[in-house]
N, C-alpha and C. Protein backbone atom coordinates (compact mmCIF):
# COMPACT_ATOMS: atom_id res chain seq x y z
N MET A 1 -9.43 47.85 14.41
CA MET A 1 -8.44 48.74 14.96
C MET A 1 -7.16 47.74 14.81
N ARG A 2 -5.97 48.72 14.85
CA ARG A 2 -5.00 48.09 14.31
C ARG A 2 -3.99 48.52 15.37
N ARG A 3 -2.88 47.75 15.54
CA ARG A 3 -1.74 47.30 16.41
C ARG A 3 -0.96 47.82 15.72
N ALA A 4 0.11 48.59 16.19
CA ALA A 4 1.40 48.80 16.00
C ALA A 4 2.27 47.45 15.02
N ALA A 5 2.36 46.39 15.19
CA ALA A 5 2.56 44.96 14.38
C ALA A 5 1.97 45.17 12.86
N ASP A 6 0.65 45.58 12.95
CA ASP A 6 -0.25 45.42 11.59
C ASP A 6 0.45 46.25 10.44
N SER A 7 0.86 45.72 9.41
CA SER A 7 1.08 46.39 8.28
C SER A 7 -0.05 46.61 7.42
N PHE A 8 -0.29 48.07 7.06
CA PHE A 8 -1.07 48.72 6.07
C PHE A 8 -0.99 47.89 4.60
N TYR A 9 -0.02 47.26 4.31
CA TYR A 9 0.75 47.13 2.82
C TYR A 9 0.70 45.53 2.75
N GLY A 10 0.48 44.95 3.61
CA GLY A 10 0.62 43.50 3.58
C GLY A 10 -0.67 42.60 3.23
N SER A 11 -0.03 41.32 3.98
CA SER A 11 -1.62 40.31 3.96
C SER A 11 -2.95 40.94 5.18
N ASP A 12 -2.08 41.68 5.90
CA ASP A 12 -3.11 42.22 6.97
C ASP A 12 -4.32 42.76 6.03
N VAL A 13 -4.12 43.63 5.20
CA VAL A 13 -5.23 43.79 4.62
C VAL A 13 -6.42 42.97 3.79
N ASP A 14 -5.55 42.03 3.44
CA ASP A 14 -6.55 40.94 2.68
C ASP A 14 -7.73 40.75 3.41
N GLU A 15 -7.61 40.66 4.81
CA GLU A 15 -8.99 40.41 5.47
C GLU A 15 -10.18 41.08 5.38
N LEU A 16 -9.70 42.31 5.03
CA LEU A 16 -10.78 43.36 4.64
C LEU A 16 -11.17 43.51 3.27
N LEU A 17 -10.52 42.95 2.68
CA LEU A 17 -11.13 42.97 1.11
C LEU A 17 -12.43 42.20 0.63
N PRO A 18 -12.78 41.46 1.35
CA PRO A 18 -14.28 40.84 1.21
C PRO A 18 -14.95 41.85 1.76
N LEU A 19 -14.78 43.01 2.41
CA LEU A 19 -15.83 43.57 3.38
C LEU A 19 -16.33 44.71 2.29
N MET A 20 -15.51 45.06 1.45
CA MET A 20 -15.24 46.45 0.29
C MET A 20 -16.68 46.10 0.07
N GLY A 21 -17.52 47.06 -0.44
CA GLY A 21 -18.67 47.01 -1.12
C GLY A 21 -20.12 46.50 -0.52
N HIS A 22 -19.73 46.14 0.65
CA HIS A 22 -20.78 45.22 1.84
C HIS A 22 -20.81 46.21 3.12
N CYS A 23 -19.29 46.75 3.14
CA CYS A 23 -19.57 47.52 4.61
C CYS A 23 -18.73 48.86 4.19
N THR A 24 -18.78 50.04 5.72
CA THR A 24 -18.14 50.83 5.54
C THR A 24 -17.12 50.39 6.44
N VAL A 25 -15.77 50.59 5.91
CA VAL A 25 -14.77 50.28 6.89
C VAL A 25 -13.75 51.11 7.24
N LEU A 26 -13.86 51.55 8.43
CA LEU A 26 -13.07 52.54 9.16
C LEU A 26 -11.59 52.07 9.79
N THR A 27 -10.69 52.42 9.33
CA THR A 27 -9.48 51.58 10.13
C THR A 27 -8.72 52.39 10.93
N LEU A 28 -8.71 52.34 12.19
CA LEU A 28 -7.85 53.32 13.06
C LEU A 28 -6.85 52.69 14.07
N ASN A 29 -6.14 53.59 13.60
CA ASN A 29 -4.76 53.59 14.46
C ASN A 29 -4.78 54.40 15.49
N PRO A 30 -5.39 53.46 16.99
CA PRO A 30 -5.13 54.40 18.22
C PRO A 30 -3.61 54.88 18.71
N ARG A 31 -3.68 56.01 19.39
CA ARG A 31 -2.47 56.26 19.87
C ARG A 31 -1.16 55.65 20.30
N LEU A 32 -0.42 55.80 19.63
CA LEU A 32 1.31 54.95 19.49
C LEU A 32 0.98 53.52 18.82
N THR A 33 0.26 53.26 17.79
CA THR A 33 0.12 52.45 17.36
C THR A 33 0.56 52.40 15.88
N GLU A 34 1.04 54.26 15.70
CA GLU A 34 1.52 54.24 14.26
C GLU A 34 2.35 53.60 13.82
N GLN A 35 3.57 53.32 14.71
CA GLN A 35 4.86 52.95 14.56
C GLN A 35 5.47 51.82 15.66
N ALA A 36 5.86 50.68 15.21
CA ALA A 36 6.28 49.99 16.04
C ALA A 36 7.52 50.71 16.93
N MET A 37 7.50 50.54 18.24
CA MET A 37 8.27 50.91 19.30
C MET A 37 9.29 49.54 19.89
N SER A 38 10.29 50.26 20.31
CA SER A 38 10.95 48.84 20.91
C SER A 38 10.39 48.69 22.42
N PRO A 39 10.81 47.72 22.78
CA PRO A 39 10.28 47.64 24.38
C PRO A 39 10.80 48.55 25.12
N ALA A 40 12.01 49.28 25.03
CA ALA A 40 12.62 49.87 25.98
C ALA A 40 11.62 51.13 26.02
N ASP A 41 11.44 52.00 24.74
CA ASP A 41 10.43 52.87 24.32
C ASP A 41 9.12 52.83 24.86
N TYR A 42 8.63 51.63 24.88
CA TYR A 42 7.14 51.55 24.91
C TYR A 42 7.12 51.50 26.70
N THR A 43 8.02 50.91 27.22
CA THR A 43 8.34 50.62 28.74
C THR A 43 7.96 52.35 29.35
N ASP A 44 9.00 53.36 28.61
CA ASP A 44 9.22 54.77 28.84
C ASP A 44 7.95 55.51 28.98
N VAL A 45 7.14 55.46 27.64
CA VAL A 45 6.00 56.01 27.13
C VAL A 45 4.92 55.35 28.33
N GLU A 46 4.88 53.88 28.54
CA GLU A 46 4.10 53.53 29.53
C GLU A 46 4.07 54.03 31.43
N ARG A 47 5.57 54.08 31.56
CA ARG A 47 5.79 54.75 33.01
C ARG A 47 5.26 56.31 32.94
N SER A 48 5.50 57.07 31.69
CA SER A 48 5.24 58.19 32.17
C SER A 48 3.60 58.46 31.72
N ALA A 49 3.16 57.59 31.17
CA ALA A 49 1.40 58.14 31.21
C ALA A 49 0.90 57.66 32.58
N VAL A 50 1.71 56.65 33.14
CA VAL A 50 1.17 56.16 34.56
C VAL A 50 1.31 57.29 35.64
N TRP A 51 2.32 58.37 35.31
CA TRP A 51 2.38 59.44 35.96
C TRP A 51 0.80 60.40 36.21
N VAL A 52 0.52 60.05 34.95
CA VAL A 52 -0.81 61.22 35.09
C VAL A 52 -2.24 60.46 35.32
N GLY A 53 -1.95 59.15 35.80
CA GLY A 53 -3.00 58.25 35.97
C GLY A 53 -3.80 57.45 34.94
N ARG A 54 -2.91 57.43 33.80
CA ARG A 54 -3.33 56.59 32.57
C ARG A 54 -2.49 55.51 32.11
N THR A 55 -3.01 54.84 31.20
CA THR A 55 -2.14 53.92 30.66
C THR A 55 -2.25 54.44 29.31
N ILE A 56 -1.22 53.52 28.18
CA ILE A 56 -1.59 53.59 26.97
C ILE A 56 -2.90 52.78 26.52
N ALA A 57 -3.34 51.62 26.77
CA ALA A 57 -4.30 51.34 26.69
C ALA A 57 -5.75 52.20 26.92
N ALA A 58 -5.77 52.71 27.99
CA ALA A 58 -6.58 53.91 28.56
C ALA A 58 -6.88 54.56 27.39
N MET A 59 -5.61 55.77 27.04
CA MET A 59 -6.07 56.07 25.85
C MET A 59 -6.35 55.98 24.27
N GLN A 60 -5.90 54.38 24.31
CA GLN A 60 -6.59 54.06 23.22
C GLN A 60 -8.16 53.78 23.07
N VAL A 61 -8.23 53.18 23.99
CA VAL A 61 -10.25 53.36 24.71
C VAL A 61 -10.71 54.66 24.15
N TRP A 62 -10.02 56.01 24.78
CA TRP A 62 -10.41 57.01 24.44
C TRP A 62 -10.35 57.27 22.86
N ASP A 63 -9.53 57.07 22.06
CA ASP A 63 -9.20 57.18 20.76
C ASP A 63 -10.37 56.38 20.12
N ILE A 64 -10.55 55.24 20.40
CA ILE A 64 -12.25 54.87 19.62
C ILE A 64 -13.26 55.05 20.19
N LEU A 65 -13.26 55.54 21.47
CA LEU A 65 -14.58 56.25 21.48
C LEU A 65 -14.81 57.46 20.60
N ARG A 66 -13.61 58.35 20.58
CA ARG A 66 -13.90 59.53 19.51
C ARG A 66 -14.11 59.11 17.98
N ALA A 67 -13.46 57.68 17.73
CA ALA A 67 -13.51 57.47 16.24
C ALA A 67 -15.24 57.09 15.98
N VAL A 68 -15.65 56.58 17.10
CA VAL A 68 -16.95 56.20 16.76
C VAL A 68 -17.89 57.35 17.02
N GLN A 69 -17.88 58.30 17.76
CA GLN A 69 -18.68 59.37 17.80
C GLN A 69 -18.21 60.31 16.51
N TRP A 70 -17.41 60.38 16.15
CA TRP A 70 -17.00 60.81 14.69
C TRP A 70 -17.76 60.38 13.53
N ALA A 71 -17.75 58.97 13.41
CA ALA A 71 -18.13 58.16 12.52
C ALA A 71 -19.86 58.44 12.57
N VAL A 72 -20.52 58.57 13.63
CA VAL A 72 -21.84 58.44 13.63
C VAL A 72 -22.30 59.94 13.15
N ARG A 73 -21.57 61.11 13.94
CA ARG A 73 -22.16 62.40 13.95
C ARG A 73 -21.54 63.13 12.66
N GLU A 74 -20.29 62.91 12.03
CA GLU A 74 -19.72 63.30 10.98
C GLU A 74 -19.84 62.60 9.68
N GLU A 75 -19.79 61.35 9.80
CA GLU A 75 -20.03 60.77 8.55
C GLU A 75 -21.20 59.93 8.52
N ASN A 76 -22.11 60.22 9.38
CA ASN A 76 -23.89 59.51 9.41
C ASN A 76 -23.75 58.15 9.12
N ILE A 77 -22.64 57.24 10.21
CA ILE A 77 -22.80 55.72 9.96
C ILE A 77 -23.88 55.48 10.93
N SER A 78 -24.79 54.47 10.61
CA SER A 78 -25.60 53.92 11.51
C SER A 78 -25.17 53.64 12.56
N ALA A 79 -25.60 54.15 13.59
CA ALA A 79 -25.29 53.67 15.03
C ALA A 79 -25.68 52.21 15.23
N SER A 80 -26.64 51.97 14.63
CA SER A 80 -27.37 50.43 15.04
C SER A 80 -26.29 49.36 14.30
N SER A 81 -25.50 49.71 13.23
CA SER A 81 -24.70 48.77 12.83
C SER A 81 -23.25 48.66 12.91
N ILE A 82 -22.49 49.41 14.38
CA ILE A 82 -21.20 49.62 14.50
C ILE A 82 -20.71 48.45 14.68
N SER A 83 -19.72 47.81 14.26
CA SER A 83 -18.82 46.66 14.71
C SER A 83 -17.51 46.90 15.29
N ILE A 84 -16.62 46.62 16.03
CA ILE A 84 -15.30 47.10 16.22
C ILE A 84 -14.54 45.43 16.10
N TYR A 85 -13.31 45.56 15.27
CA TYR A 85 -12.64 44.28 15.42
C TYR A 85 -11.20 44.62 15.56
N GLY A 86 -10.67 43.76 16.84
CA GLY A 86 -8.96 44.01 17.22
C GLY A 86 -8.52 42.77 17.42
N LYS A 87 -7.21 42.32 16.87
CA LYS A 87 -6.40 41.68 17.26
C LYS A 87 -5.40 41.90 18.52
N GLY A 88 -5.63 40.50 18.78
CA GLY A 88 -4.40 40.43 20.39
C GLY A 88 -5.04 41.29 21.59
N GLU A 89 -4.06 41.93 22.25
CA GLU A 89 -4.69 43.19 23.17
C GLU A 89 -5.37 44.40 22.47
N MET A 90 -5.45 44.41 20.96
CA MET A 90 -6.14 45.76 20.73
C MET A 90 -7.66 45.03 20.79
N GLY A 91 -7.79 44.03 20.43
CA GLY A 91 -9.43 43.40 20.81
C GLY A 91 -9.88 43.70 22.32
N ILE A 92 -8.84 43.93 23.16
CA ILE A 92 -9.45 43.73 24.45
C ILE A 92 -9.56 45.20 24.66
N VAL A 93 -8.95 46.22 23.88
CA VAL A 93 -9.10 47.66 24.02
C VAL A 93 -10.68 47.99 23.64
N ALA A 94 -10.62 47.29 22.39
CA ALA A 94 -12.18 47.60 21.82
C ALA A 94 -13.17 47.09 22.93
N LEU A 95 -12.92 45.89 23.03
CA LEU A 95 -14.06 45.40 24.01
C LEU A 95 -14.36 46.56 25.18
N TYR A 96 -13.45 46.80 25.77
CA TYR A 96 -13.41 48.18 26.69
C TYR A 96 -13.88 49.18 26.02
N ALA A 97 -13.48 49.87 25.43
CA ALA A 97 -14.65 50.75 24.41
C ALA A 97 -15.98 50.40 24.25
N SER A 98 -16.26 49.44 23.92
CA SER A 98 -17.88 48.85 23.70
C SER A 98 -18.75 49.16 24.69
N LEU A 99 -18.01 48.92 26.21
CA LEU A 99 -18.59 49.18 27.26
C LEU A 99 -19.00 50.45 27.86
N PHE A 100 -17.81 51.40 27.53
CA PHE A 100 -18.72 52.70 27.31
C PHE A 100 -19.34 53.31 26.25
N ASP A 101 -19.74 52.54 25.25
CA ASP A 101 -20.78 53.06 24.10
C ASP A 101 -21.40 51.77 23.62
N GLU A 102 -22.69 52.08 23.86
CA GLU A 102 -23.62 50.81 23.34
C GLU A 102 -23.93 50.92 22.09
N ARG A 103 -23.41 52.25 21.31
CA ARG A 103 -23.59 51.91 19.93
C ARG A 103 -22.72 51.09 19.17
N ILE A 104 -21.68 50.58 19.68
CA ILE A 104 -21.25 49.54 19.41
C ILE A 104 -21.96 48.27 19.67
N LYS A 105 -22.37 47.69 18.47
CA LYS A 105 -23.39 46.25 19.11
C LYS A 105 -22.33 45.08 18.72
N GLN A 106 -21.29 45.09 18.20
CA GLN A 106 -20.41 43.58 18.19
C GLN A 106 -19.22 43.87 18.50
N VAL A 107 -18.20 43.26 19.20
CA VAL A 107 -16.79 43.25 18.94
C VAL A 107 -16.52 41.74 18.64
N ILE A 108 -15.48 42.10 17.84
CA ILE A 108 -14.79 41.13 17.00
C ILE A 108 -13.30 40.81 17.31
N LEU A 109 -12.72 39.73 17.76
CA LEU A 109 -11.60 39.52 18.51
C LEU A 109 -10.62 38.71 17.79
N SER A 110 -9.45 38.58 17.56
CA SER A 110 -8.90 37.36 17.18
C SER A 110 -7.76 37.49 17.95
N ASP A 111 -7.12 36.09 18.66
CA ASP A 111 -6.37 35.82 19.28
C ASP A 111 -6.14 36.87 20.57
N PRO A 112 -7.38 36.79 21.34
CA PRO A 112 -7.31 37.71 22.72
C PRO A 112 -6.50 37.28 23.49
N PRO A 113 -5.99 38.00 24.22
CA PRO A 113 -5.55 37.30 25.99
C PRO A 113 -6.32 36.68 26.60
N GLY A 114 -5.79 35.87 27.07
CA GLY A 114 -7.05 35.46 28.20
C GLY A 114 -6.90 36.17 29.54
N SER A 115 -6.18 37.18 29.85
CA SER A 115 -6.10 37.86 31.34
C SER A 115 -4.98 39.19 30.92
N HIS A 116 -5.52 40.06 32.07
CA HIS A 116 -4.64 40.97 31.75
C HIS A 116 -3.13 41.02 32.20
N TRP A 117 -2.66 39.72 32.91
CA TRP A 117 -1.22 39.49 32.86
C TRP A 117 -0.89 39.64 31.91
N GLN A 118 -1.29 39.02 30.33
CA GLN A 118 -0.68 39.12 29.37
C GLN A 118 -1.28 40.64 28.64
N GLY A 119 -2.00 41.19 29.06
CA GLY A 119 -2.31 42.60 28.72
C GLY A 119 -3.52 42.82 27.95
N PRO A 120 -3.81 44.27 27.74
CA PRO A 120 -3.58 45.08 28.11
C PRO A 120 -3.06 45.40 29.43
N ALA A 121 -2.44 46.54 29.65
CA ALA A 121 -2.20 47.03 31.06
C ALA A 121 -3.25 48.26 31.06
N LEU A 122 -4.16 48.25 32.13
CA LEU A 122 -5.21 49.12 32.77
C LEU A 122 -5.09 49.12 34.20
N LEU A 123 -4.87 50.45 34.40
CA LEU A 123 -4.72 50.57 36.00
C LEU A 123 -5.63 50.00 37.21
N ASN A 124 -5.55 49.12 38.03
CA ASN A 124 -6.36 48.61 39.03
C ASN A 124 -7.29 47.96 38.63
N ALA A 125 -7.33 47.11 37.31
CA ALA A 125 -8.37 46.50 36.59
C ALA A 125 -8.39 44.93 37.21
N LEU A 126 -7.19 44.65 37.56
CA LEU A 126 -6.94 43.13 37.91
C LEU A 126 -7.54 43.40 39.58
N ARG A 127 -7.39 44.31 39.95
CA ARG A 127 -8.10 44.04 41.90
C ARG A 127 -9.77 43.77 41.67
N VAL A 128 -10.59 43.92 40.23
CA VAL A 128 -11.43 43.95 40.59
C VAL A 128 -12.52 43.18 39.57
N THR A 129 -11.14 42.63 38.38
CA THR A 129 -11.97 42.29 37.63
C THR A 129 -10.88 41.36 36.34
N ASP A 130 -11.24 40.56 35.69
CA ASP A 130 -10.27 40.14 34.35
C ASP A 130 -10.81 40.07 33.03
N ILE A 131 -10.40 40.11 32.00
CA ILE A 131 -10.79 40.32 30.78
C ILE A 131 -12.31 39.05 30.96
N ALA A 132 -11.94 37.81 31.28
CA ALA A 132 -13.24 37.06 31.19
C ALA A 132 -14.54 37.94 32.06
N GLU A 133 -14.56 38.64 32.71
CA GLU A 133 -15.98 39.31 33.26
C GLU A 133 -16.04 40.29 32.35
N VAL A 134 -15.05 41.10 31.86
CA VAL A 134 -15.13 42.39 31.23
C VAL A 134 -16.06 42.03 29.85
N ALA A 135 -15.49 41.07 29.39
CA ALA A 135 -16.31 40.39 28.10
C ALA A 135 -17.45 39.97 28.58
N GLY A 136 -18.02 39.08 29.67
CA GLY A 136 -19.22 38.59 29.86
C GLY A 136 -20.10 40.04 30.01
N ALA A 137 -19.82 41.48 30.58
CA ALA A 137 -20.47 42.66 30.80
C ALA A 137 -21.03 42.91 29.61
N LEU A 138 -20.42 42.60 28.59
CA LEU A 138 -20.82 42.90 26.72
C LEU A 138 -22.17 42.43 26.49
N ALA A 139 -22.51 41.44 27.28
CA ALA A 139 -23.81 40.35 26.97
C ALA A 139 -25.07 41.51 27.62
N PRO A 140 -25.80 41.39 26.68
CA PRO A 140 -26.19 40.66 25.61
C PRO A 140 -25.94 40.91 24.04
N ARG A 141 -24.62 41.94 24.24
CA ARG A 141 -24.67 42.34 22.71
C ARG A 141 -23.40 41.31 22.26
N ARG A 142 -23.19 41.29 21.16
CA ARG A 142 -22.67 40.20 20.08
C ARG A 142 -21.25 40.33 20.27
N LEU A 143 -20.47 38.87 20.84
CA LEU A 143 -18.84 38.89 20.99
C LEU A 143 -18.85 37.56 20.07
N VAL A 144 -17.89 37.87 18.92
CA VAL A 144 -17.22 36.87 18.23
C VAL A 144 -15.57 36.69 18.10
N SER A 145 -15.09 35.59 18.14
CA SER A 145 -13.80 35.34 17.92
C SER A 145 -13.49 34.79 17.03
N LEU A 146 -12.34 35.10 15.93
CA LEU A 146 -12.16 34.37 14.91
C LEU A 146 -10.90 33.54 15.33
N THR A 147 -10.67 33.10 16.39
CA THR A 147 -9.83 32.20 16.46
C THR A 147 -10.56 31.53 18.25
N LYS A 148 -9.78 30.57 18.44
CA LYS A 148 -10.16 29.91 19.57
C LYS A 148 -10.20 30.79 20.99
N TYR A 149 -11.33 30.90 21.67
CA TYR A 149 -11.26 31.53 22.96
C TYR A 149 -10.70 31.02 23.90
N PRO A 150 -9.50 31.91 24.24
CA PRO A 150 -8.92 31.25 25.46
C PRO A 150 -9.79 30.82 26.57
N GLU A 151 -9.09 29.54 27.54
CA GLU A 151 -9.77 28.81 28.31
C GLU A 151 -10.36 29.91 29.59
N PRO A 152 -10.40 31.19 30.03
CA PRO A 152 -10.95 31.91 31.06
C PRO A 152 -12.25 32.30 30.17
N PHE A 153 -12.61 32.27 28.89
CA PHE A 153 -13.32 32.80 28.76
C PHE A 153 -14.63 31.72 28.58
N GLU A 154 -14.48 30.71 28.67
CA GLU A 154 -15.53 29.78 29.20
C GLU A 154 -16.54 30.41 30.82
N HIS A 155 -15.85 31.26 31.39
CA HIS A 155 -16.38 32.12 32.46
C HIS A 155 -17.34 33.03 31.53
N THR A 156 -16.98 33.56 30.44
CA THR A 156 -17.99 34.28 29.79
C THR A 156 -19.03 33.90 28.97
N ARG A 157 -18.93 32.49 28.65
CA ARG A 157 -19.85 31.97 27.82
C ARG A 157 -20.80 31.71 29.28
N VAL A 158 -20.59 31.24 30.19
CA VAL A 158 -21.32 31.19 31.20
C VAL A 158 -22.17 32.40 31.61
N ILE A 159 -21.41 33.36 31.94
CA ILE A 159 -22.07 34.69 31.60
C ILE A 159 -23.62 34.90 30.76
N TYR A 160 -23.23 35.02 29.49
CA TYR A 160 -23.89 34.68 28.65
C TYR A 160 -25.16 33.81 28.67
N ARG A 161 -24.88 32.81 28.94
CA ARG A 161 -25.97 31.91 29.18
C ARG A 161 -26.78 32.39 30.17
N LEU A 162 -26.40 32.86 31.67
CA LEU A 162 -27.02 33.23 32.41
C LEU A 162 -27.81 34.39 31.76
N GLN A 163 -27.56 35.38 30.83
CA GLN A 163 -28.06 36.61 30.29
C GLN A 163 -28.78 36.24 29.02
N GLY A 164 -29.09 34.91 29.13
CA GLY A 164 -29.94 34.32 27.82
C GLY A 164 -29.49 34.93 26.66
N ALA A 165 -27.75 35.05 26.36
CA ALA A 165 -27.63 35.49 24.99
C ALA A 165 -26.68 34.55 24.31
N SER A 166 -26.87 32.99 24.75
CA SER A 166 -25.65 32.13 24.40
C SER A 166 -25.62 32.46 22.64
N ASN A 167 -26.80 32.77 21.68
CA ASN A 167 -26.42 32.72 20.80
C ASN A 167 -25.49 33.94 20.57
N GLN A 168 -25.14 35.02 21.34
CA GLN A 168 -24.49 35.95 21.03
C GLN A 168 -22.96 36.02 21.11
N PHE A 169 -22.62 34.61 21.68
CA PHE A 169 -21.06 34.32 22.11
C PHE A 169 -20.77 33.18 21.04
N VAL A 170 -20.28 33.48 20.13
CA VAL A 170 -20.01 32.81 19.19
C VAL A 170 -18.27 33.00 18.26
N GLN A 171 -18.27 32.02 17.69
CA GLN A 171 -16.78 31.85 16.94
C GLN A 171 -17.36 31.75 15.49
N SER A 172 -16.42 32.35 14.83
CA SER A 172 -16.46 32.53 13.17
C SER A 172 -15.23 32.11 12.73
N LEU A 173 -15.51 31.65 11.24
CA LEU A 173 -14.28 31.65 10.50
C LEU A 173 -13.24 32.51 9.99
N SER A 174 -14.11 33.52 9.61
CA SER A 174 -13.55 34.91 9.35
C SER A 174 -14.20 35.78 9.35
N LEU A 175 -13.64 37.08 8.86
CA LEU A 175 -14.33 38.60 9.24
C LEU A 175 -15.44 38.88 8.48
N PRO A 176 -15.68 38.17 7.33
CA PRO A 176 -17.29 38.44 6.73
C PRO A 176 -18.26 37.43 7.33
N GLU A 177 -17.78 36.52 7.80
CA GLU A 177 -18.81 35.45 8.49
C GLU A 177 -19.12 36.12 9.66
N ALA A 178 -18.17 36.60 10.33
CA ALA A 178 -18.79 37.27 11.83
C ALA A 178 -19.43 38.48 11.44
N LEU A 179 -19.49 39.31 10.58
CA LEU A 179 -19.90 40.56 10.16
C LEU A 179 -21.61 40.02 9.30
N GLU A 180 -21.42 38.98 8.49
CA GLU A 180 -22.58 38.09 8.22
C GLU A 180 -22.97 39.21 6.56
N VAL A 181 -21.61 39.65 6.20
CA VAL A 181 -21.75 40.12 5.06
C VAL A 181 -22.60 39.56 3.84
N TRP A 182 -22.72 38.52 3.85
CA TRP A 182 -23.59 37.53 2.83
C TRP A 182 -25.04 37.84 3.23
N LYS A 183 -25.66 38.28 4.55
CA LYS A 183 -27.10 38.57 4.60
C LYS A 183 -27.39 39.66 4.08
N TYR A 184 -26.47 40.65 3.13
CA TYR A 184 -26.79 42.17 2.49
C TYR A 184 -25.96 42.44 1.48
N PRO A 185 -26.57 41.57 0.45
CA PRO A 185 -25.39 41.87 -0.65
C PRO A 185 -25.17 43.28 -1.17
N THR A 186 -26.28 44.05 -0.77
CA THR A 186 -26.33 45.53 -1.39
C THR A 186 -25.54 46.49 -0.20
N GLY A 187 -24.90 45.69 0.81
CA GLY A 187 -24.32 46.58 2.02
C GLY A 187 -25.33 46.99 2.77
N LYS A 188 -26.71 46.97 2.66
CA LYS A 188 -27.38 47.66 3.69
C LYS A 188 -28.73 46.57 3.91
N PRO A 189 -28.95 46.55 5.11
CA PRO A 189 -29.71 45.27 5.93
C PRO A 189 -31.08 45.25 5.00
N ALA A 190 -31.82 44.32 4.86
CA ALA A 190 -33.07 44.08 4.78
C ALA A 190 -34.37 44.97 5.44
N ARG A 191 -35.09 45.13 4.82
CA ARG A 191 -35.98 45.65 5.78
C ARG A 191 -37.36 45.22 5.25
């Protein structure tokens, strides 16, 4: 999942290059990430969305869910191999999408915020939960971070341990390592 700040023509693409030939890669620019917006414009759009009971992040979760549905139905992507990767707030948006679609087997984060106080904005989320608990709800599915987990994710680690899935809450050094591409040199799982 791409953020508005990510460039398709720069070093942002370099992390995807080792995946080519090993994985099917779909790059998605969810709603309002196609181009950077000024903080004032973003605030105007966010306030307008709230009038209809949504936030930008909620619309982006919907976009991710539709992209997964398209990939499985139209492109015949194996539902057992879907991983989603997002940086910053987009990783948390991907995390929420994975809770709504069990076909997503793995969420890969990079530099995730530790709390909804830092983003993304989702209506009423802080009334009942925060990011660490949402991440724990993913257990026993795999949760990987390419950067150090924020301190609140220690709570997530405890949830994974209680679910008997400690080995599914990991940190990796790179996207290829997180996807374990070296296990399948032809791009297909060994059977």
